[in-house]
């Protein structure tokens, strides 16, 4: 043991055992770096995250927000149980405060950012409705990527009750009008898509020579517009 303090008046000597070995927090910080992938086991699960047992008898915390890119609800904790082996990425380390932050979602690239990089504004995209509220609806565009369609972007005519028009499970084509990176939504508009299609039809009509056109030409062009 290590002598920490001698109090002659009170006839007390304070000793320390842990001071005779290296501080495991310092050892962990020395042997690992931010961004490293590590393995451990789940020691406990709380409302705010998962505590992971690491080498040296210390714990790291996976906060609820760092478990999944798309799901930050408490329900996701049901996918884990005490004693399970687990892999995570080191997000930050502070030996003085004895804190190690870990993340599971960081094991893969952010699917939302990948989608944003590959999807240009004004693109027409396909999605399936997964939720409908009074103010709009949420569409699943791809795995872990969702779009938001406001009630005002459904039609150029005023929509009073969205649930009379759109239901969960509906397949919808809409136009990308922006990206909400804070809330991780692709902003969509059916109204903008329909207006674009109407403009295309009008442009085709304007290019027709009405003076020399036959009934057969009109029928053919009408079929082309429908296609």
Protein backbone atom coordinates (compact mmCIF):
# COMPACT_ATOMS: atom_id res chain seq x y z
CA UNK A 1 0.00 0.00 0.00
CA UNK A 2 0.97 3.64 -0.30
CA UNK A 3 1.05 5.96 2.71
CA UNK A 4 -1.27 8.86 1.90
CA UNK A 5 -1.37 10.79 5.18
CA UNK A 6 0.02 10.58 8.75
CA UNK A 7 -1.98 12.28 11.51
CA UNK A 8 0.13 12.01 14.71
CA UNK A 9 -2.34 13.85 16.93
CA UNK A 10 -5.22 11.53 16.03
CA UNK A 11 -2.85 8.56 15.69
CA UNK A 12 -4.09 7.74 12.22
CA UNK A 13 -2.29 6.65 9.07
CA UNK A 14 -4.22 6.73 5.78
CA UNK A 15 -3.20 4.17 3.21
CA UNK A 16 -4.10 3.61 -0.42
CA UNK A 17 -4.18 0.38 -2.38
CA UNK A 18 -5.26 1.65 -5.80
CA UNK A 19 -2.35 4.07 -5.86
CA UNK A 20 0.07 1.14 -6.15
CA UNK A 21 -1.21 0.24 -9.62
CA UNK A 22 -1.70 2.28 -12.77
CA UNK A 23 -4.96 4.24 -13.05
CA UNK A 24 -7.09 2.12 -15.44
CA UNK A 25 -8.67 5.25 -16.91
CA UNK A 26 -5.25 6.64 -17.81
CA UNK A 27 -4.21 3.25 -19.20
CA UNK A 28 -7.32 3.09 -21.39
CA UNK A 29 -6.79 6.62 -22.74
CA UNK A 30 -3.13 5.80 -23.42
CA UNK A 31 -3.88 2.58 -25.30
CA UNK A 32 -6.90 3.79 -27.29
CA UNK A 33 -7.83 6.70 -29.53
CA UNK A 34 -10.99 8.53 -30.47
CA UNK A 35 -12.62 6.71 -33.39
CA UNK A 36 -11.30 3.26 -32.43
CA UNK A 37 -13.66 0.29 -32.50
CA UNK A 38 -13.72 -1.60 -29.21
CA UNK A 39 -15.54 -4.58 -27.68
CA UNK A 40 -17.09 -4.96 -24.25
CA UNK A 41 -20.11 -6.37 -22.49
CA UNK A 42 -23.32 -4.72 -21.33
CA UNK A 43 -23.16 -4.11 -17.57
CA UNK A 44 -26.45 -2.27 -17.22
CA UNK A 45 -29.19 -0.54 -19.21
CA UNK A 46 -30.79 2.70 -18.05
CA UNK A 47 -33.36 5.14 -19.43
CA UNK A 48 -30.61 7.24 -20.99
CA UNK A 49 -28.32 4.59 -22.40
CA UNK A 50 -26.15 1.50 -22.04
CA UNK A 51 -23.17 1.07 -19.72
CA UNK A 52 -20.45 -1.12 -21.23
CA UNK A 53 -17.79 -2.96 -19.25
CA UNK A 54 -14.31 -2.37 -20.71
CA UNK A 55 -10.75 -3.59 -20.08
CA UNK A 56 -9.40 -2.53 -16.71
CA UNK A 57 -12.76 -2.78 -14.95
CA UNK A 58 -13.98 0.62 -16.15
CA UNK A 59 -17.26 1.55 -17.83
CA UNK A 60 -18.15 3.38 -21.01
CA UNK A 61 -21.55 4.91 -21.79
CA UNK A 62 -23.50 4.58 -25.03
CA UNK A 63 -26.03 7.39 -24.85
CA UNK A 64 -29.52 6.74 -26.20
CA UNK A 65 -28.89 9.21 -29.03
CA UNK A 66 -25.82 7.27 -30.17
CA UNK A 67 -27.48 3.87 -30.60
CA UNK A 68 -29.25 4.41 -33.94
CA UNK A 69 -29.22 7.06 -36.66
CA UNK A 70 -32.99 6.92 -37.08
CA UNK A 71 -34.47 5.73 -33.76
CA UNK A 72 -33.85 7.65 -30.53
CA UNK A 73 -36.81 6.24 -28.64
CA UNK A 74 -36.50 4.16 -25.50
CA UNK A 75 -37.97 1.21 -27.38
CA UNK A 76 -34.63 0.61 -29.09
CA UNK A 77 -33.16 -0.41 -25.72
CA UNK A 78 -35.33 -3.52 -25.90
CA UNK A 79 -32.92 -4.86 -28.54
CA UNK A 80 -30.18 -5.21 -25.91
CA UNK A 81 -29.82 -7.12 -22.66
CA UNK A 82 -27.41 -7.27 -19.75
CA UNK A 83 -24.41 -9.53 -20.35
CA UNK A 84 -24.46 -9.28 -24.16
CA UNK A 85 -21.18 -8.68 -25.97
CA UNK A 86 -21.22 -5.41 -27.87
CA UNK A 87 -19.07 -3.39 -30.27
CA UNK A 88 -18.90 0.40 -30.35
CA UNK A 89 -16.84 3.37 -31.48
CA UNK A 90 -14.98 5.59 -29.01
CA UNK A 91 -16.47 9.09 -29.28
CA UNK A 92 -14.60 10.84 -26.46
CA UNK A 93 -12.42 10.08 -23.41
CA UNK A 94 -11.73 12.05 -20.21
CA UNK A 95 -9.56 10.19 -17.70
CA UNK A 96 -9.78 12.98 -15.08
CA UNK A 97 -13.58 12.84 -15.04
CA UNK A 98 -13.57 9.05 -15.57
CA UNK A 99 -15.84 9.31 -18.60
CA UNK A 100 -15.74 7.37 -21.85
CA UNK A 101 -18.44 8.04 -24.45
CA UNK A 102 -19.21 5.32 -26.98
CA UNK A 103 -21.46 5.02 -30.02
CA UNK A 104 -23.05 2.14 -31.90
CA UNK A 105 -24.56 4.08 -34.81
CA UNK A 106 -21.11 5.42 -35.70
CA UNK A 107 -20.09 1.88 -36.75
CA UNK A 108 -21.82 2.64 -40.08
CA UNK A 109 -21.98 5.77 -42.22
CA UNK A 110 -24.98 8.03 -41.68
CA UNK A 111 -27.60 6.80 -44.20
CA UNK A 112 -29.33 10.21 -44.19
CA UNK A 113 -26.18 12.04 -45.29
CA UNK A 114 -25.50 9.40 -47.93
CA UNK A 115 -29.04 9.88 -49.26
CA UNK A 116 -28.65 13.68 -49.27
CA UNK A 117 -25.37 13.40 -51.22
CA UNK A 118 -26.96 11.18 -53.85
CA UNK A 119 -30.33 12.95 -54.09
CA UNK A 120 -30.47 16.31 -55.80
CA UNK A 121 -32.99 18.98 -54.92
CA UNK A 122 -35.98 18.87 -57.33
CA UNK A 123 -35.63 15.11 -57.77
CA UNK A 124 -38.80 13.03 -57.92
CA UNK A 125 -38.66 10.31 -55.26
CA UNK A 126 -40.81 7.38 -54.19
CA UNK A 127 -41.86 6.76 -50.58
CA UNK A 128 -44.29 4.80 -48.45
CA UNK A 129 -46.36 6.60 -45.81
CA UNK A 130 -45.49 5.40 -42.29
CA UNK A 131 -47.22 8.07 -40.19
CA UNK A 132 -49.94 10.68 -40.66
CA UNK A 133 -50.59 13.68 -38.39
CA UNK A 134 -52.76 16.79 -38.64
CA UNK A 135 -49.84 18.83 -39.97
CA UNK A 136 -48.37 16.35 -42.44
CA UNK A 137 -47.10 12.85 -43.00
CA UNK A 138 -43.83 10.93 -42.83
CA UNK A 139 -42.62 8.76 -45.69
CA UNK A 140 -40.02 6.01 -45.65
CA UNK A 141 -37.70 6.73 -48.60
CA UNK A 142 -35.08 4.06 -47.93
CA UNK A 143 -33.66 2.20 -44.95
CA UNK A 144 -33.38 4.67 -42.03
CA UNK A 145 -34.17 7.66 -44.31
CA UNK A 146 -37.48 9.51 -43.99
CA UNK A 147 -39.19 12.35 -45.80
CA UNK A 148 -41.66 14.89 -44.44
CA UNK A 149 -44.66 16.09 -46.45
CA UNK A 150 -46.42 19.12 -44.96
CA UNK A 151 -50.17 19.40 -45.41
CA UNK A 152 -49.63 22.63 -47.37
CA UNK A 153 -47.43 20.75 -49.89
CA UNK A 154 -50.04 18.13 -50.80
CA UNK A 155 -52.13 20.17 -53.23
CA UNK A 156 -52.46 23.70 -54.58
CA UNK A 157 -56.00 23.54 -53.18
CA UNK A 158 -56.39 23.87 -49.42
CA UNK A 159 -56.48 20.54 -47.58
CA UNK A 160 -58.48 20.60 -44.36
CA UNK A 161 -58.06 16.99 -43.26
CA UNK A 162 -55.00 15.14 -44.51
CA UNK A 163 -56.39 11.77 -43.39
CA UNK A 164 -59.14 11.97 -46.01
CA UNK A 165 -56.46 12.01 -48.73
CA UNK A 166 -53.46 10.08 -47.39
CA UNK A 167 -53.33 6.90 -45.33
CA UNK A 168 -50.56 4.86 -43.74
CA UNK A 169 -49.20 2.43 -46.31
CA UNK A 170 -49.90 4.65 -49.34
CA UNK A 171 -47.23 4.80 -52.04
CA UNK A 172 -46.45 8.38 -53.02
CA UNK A 173 -44.26 10.10 -55.61
CA UNK A 174 -43.19 13.61 -54.61
CA UNK A 175 -40.59 16.27 -55.35
CA UNK A 176 -37.61 17.02 -53.11
CA UNK A 177 -37.80 20.70 -52.11
CA UNK A 178 -35.16 20.75 -49.36
CA UNK A 179 -33.39 18.99 -46.50
CA UNK A 180 -33.93 19.39 -42.76
CA UNK A 181 -30.58 18.14 -41.41
CA UNK A 182 -31.42 19.03 -37.82
CA UNK A 183 -34.51 16.80 -37.72
CA UNK A 184 -33.10 14.46 -40.38
CA UNK A 185 -35.93 14.81 -42.89
CA UNK A 186 -36.02 15.10 -46.66
CA UNK A 187 -38.62 17.81 -47.35
CA UNK A 188 -41.16 16.75 -49.98
CA UNK A 189 -43.95 18.27 -52.06
CA UNK A 190 -46.66 16.66 -54.18
CA UNK A 191 -47.89 20.13 -55.14
CA UNK A 192 -44.50 21.08 -56.62
CA UNK A 193 -44.33 17.77 -58.54
CA UNK A 194 -47.79 18.31 -60.05
CA UNK A 195 -47.03 21.92 -61.01
CA UNK A 196 -43.84 20.79 -62.74
CA UNK A 197 -45.77 18.17 -64.72
CA UNK A 198 -48.41 20.73 -65.72
CA UNK A 199 -45.70 23.08 -66.96
CA UNK A 200 -44.19 20.29 -69.07
CA UNK A 201 -47.57 19.60 -70.68
CA UNK A 202 -48.11 23.32 -71.42
CA UNK A 203 -44.64 23.59 -72.95
CA UNK A 204 -45.42 20.64 -75.23
CA UNK A 205 -48.70 22.25 -76.27
CA UNK A 206 -46.97 25.54 -77.02
CA UNK A 207 -44.57 23.74 -79.38
CA UNK A 208 -47.40 22.27 -81.47
CA UNK A 209 -48.08 23.95 -84.85
CA UNK A 210 -51.87 24.25 -84.51
CA UNK A 211 -52.24 25.57 -88.07
CA UNK A 212 -51.00 22.36 -89.73
CA UNK A 213 -51.98 19.78 -87.13
CA UNK A 214 -54.43 16.95 -87.87
CA UNK A 215 -56.83 15.09 -85.59
CA UNK A 216 -54.44 12.15 -85.70
CA UNK A 217 -51.61 14.39 -84.49
CA UNK A 218 -53.76 15.65 -81.61
CA UNK A 219 -54.60 12.12 -80.57
CA UNK A 220 -50.95 11.07 -80.80
CA UNK A 221 -49.76 14.05 -78.77
CA UNK A 222 -52.46 13.44 -76.15
CA UNK A 223 -51.24 9.88 -75.81
CA UNK A 224 -47.66 11.13 -75.49
CA UNK A 225 -48.72 13.54 -72.70
CA UNK A 226 -50.37 10.70 -70.83
CA UNK A 227 -47.24 8.57 -71.16
